[in-house]
Amino acid sequence: MKVRLDPASKRILVALLASPKTPGEVSRIYGIPVATVWEKIRRLQELGLVHMVLTFVDSAGEMRRYFEATLPIDTSEEDVVVEL
């Protein structure tokens, strides 16, 4: 199966390839609304491209969830096409 990703999903995936991040961190880096980042991460999880690596409650009592990309992905092309 081939999956063509929209630009926001591609940016999120590339960010998560570099190192695990929270949706809030990705939102700040790329200026994508955090609700959109969550939506895209959930879809990328459904596709098996992203998984949660760490969950904890911080000192302020907020739940922190870190995600990372699961597969090595070729980002050299303008469009990211993932073959599953």
Protein backbone atom coordinates (compact mmCIF):
# COMPACT_ATOMS: atom_id res chain seq x y z
CA MET A 1 0.00 0.00 0.00
CA LYS A 2 1.25 3.50 -0.78
CA VAL A 3 0.41 6.48 1.38
CA ARG A 4 0.78 10.05 0.15
CA LEU A 5 1.12 12.52 3.00
CA ASP A 6 -0.10 16.10 3.09
CA PRO A 7 2.49 18.83 3.85
CA ALA A 8 1.57 19.11 7.56
CA SER A 9 1.82 15.34 8.09
CA LYS A 10 5.16 15.32 6.29
CA ARG A 11 6.55 18.08 8.55
CA ILE A 12 5.32 16.26 11.64
CA LEU A 13 6.83 12.97 10.48
CA VAL A 14 10.19 14.59 9.70
CA ALA A 15 10.20 16.26 13.13
CA LEU A 16 9.53 12.91 14.81
CA LEU A 17 12.30 11.25 12.79
CA ALA A 18 14.86 13.62 14.32
CA SER A 19 13.91 12.86 17.94
CA PRO A 20 10.82 12.07 20.03
CA LYS A 21 8.63 15.12 20.62
CA THR A 22 5.31 16.06 22.17
CA PRO A 23 2.52 17.39 19.95
CA GLY A 24 2.99 20.76 21.69
CA GLU A 25 6.66 20.86 20.71
CA VAL A 26 5.84 20.02 17.09
CA SER A 27 3.16 22.72 17.13
CA ARG A 28 5.64 25.34 18.33
CA ILE A 29 8.35 24.28 15.85
CA TYR A 30 6.13 24.39 12.76
CA GLY A 31 3.37 26.78 13.77
CA ILE A 32 0.71 24.12 13.22
CA PRO A 33 -2.24 24.30 15.65
CA VAL A 34 -1.79 21.68 18.39
CA ALA A 35 -5.24 20.18 17.66
CA THR A 36 -4.15 19.60 14.05
CA VAL A 37 -0.88 18.04 15.21
CA TRP A 38 -2.81 15.63 17.44
CA GLU A 39 -5.14 14.73 14.55
CA LYS A 40 -2.21 14.08 12.19
CA ILE A 41 -0.29 12.07 14.81
CA ARG A 42 -3.35 9.86 15.42
CA ARG A 43 -3.62 9.23 11.67
CA LEU A 44 0.12 8.49 11.41
CA GLN A 45 -0.27 6.06 14.34
CA GLU A 46 -3.13 4.29 12.54
CA LEU A 47 -0.82 3.90 9.54
CA GLY A 48 1.92 2.48 11.77
CA LEU A 49 4.33 5.33 10.99
CA VAL A 50 4.45 6.88 14.48
CA HIS A 51 4.28 5.42 17.98
CA MET A 52 4.28 6.75 21.52
CA VAL A 53 7.58 6.20 23.32
CA LEU A 54 7.05 7.93 26.67
CA THR A 55 4.15 9.12 28.81
CA PHE A 56 4.43 10.82 32.18
CA VAL A 57 2.83 13.45 34.41
CA ASP A 58 5.04 16.52 34.79
CA SER A 59 5.49 18.61 37.93
CA ALA A 60 2.55 20.84 36.90
CA GLY A 61 0.27 17.78 36.77
CA GLU A 62 0.03 17.76 32.98
CA MET A 63 0.26 14.55 30.96
CA ARG A 64 3.21 14.57 28.54
CA ARG A 65 3.24 12.15 25.60
CA TYR A 66 6.30 11.78 23.38
CA PHE A 67 6.03 10.30 19.90
CA GLU A 68 8.61 9.18 17.36
CA ALA A 69 8.57 8.00 13.77
CA THR A 70 8.63 4.23 13.39
CA LEU A 71 10.12 3.80 9.93
CA PRO A 72 13.13 5.25 8.18
CA ILE A 73 11.58 7.45 5.51
CA ASP A 74 13.17 8.98 2.43
CA THR A 75 12.59 12.72 2.74
CA SER A 76 14.58 13.66 -0.35
CA GLU A 77 11.48 13.91 -2.52
CA GLU A 78 9.03 16.77 -2.27
CA ASP A 79 6.21 14.29 -1.69
CA VAL A 80 6.70 11.61 0.92
CA VAL A 81 5.38 8.29 -0.30
CA VAL A 82 5.47 5.46 2.18
CA GLU A 83 5.06 1.91 0.98
CA LEU A 84 3.48 -0.36 3.58
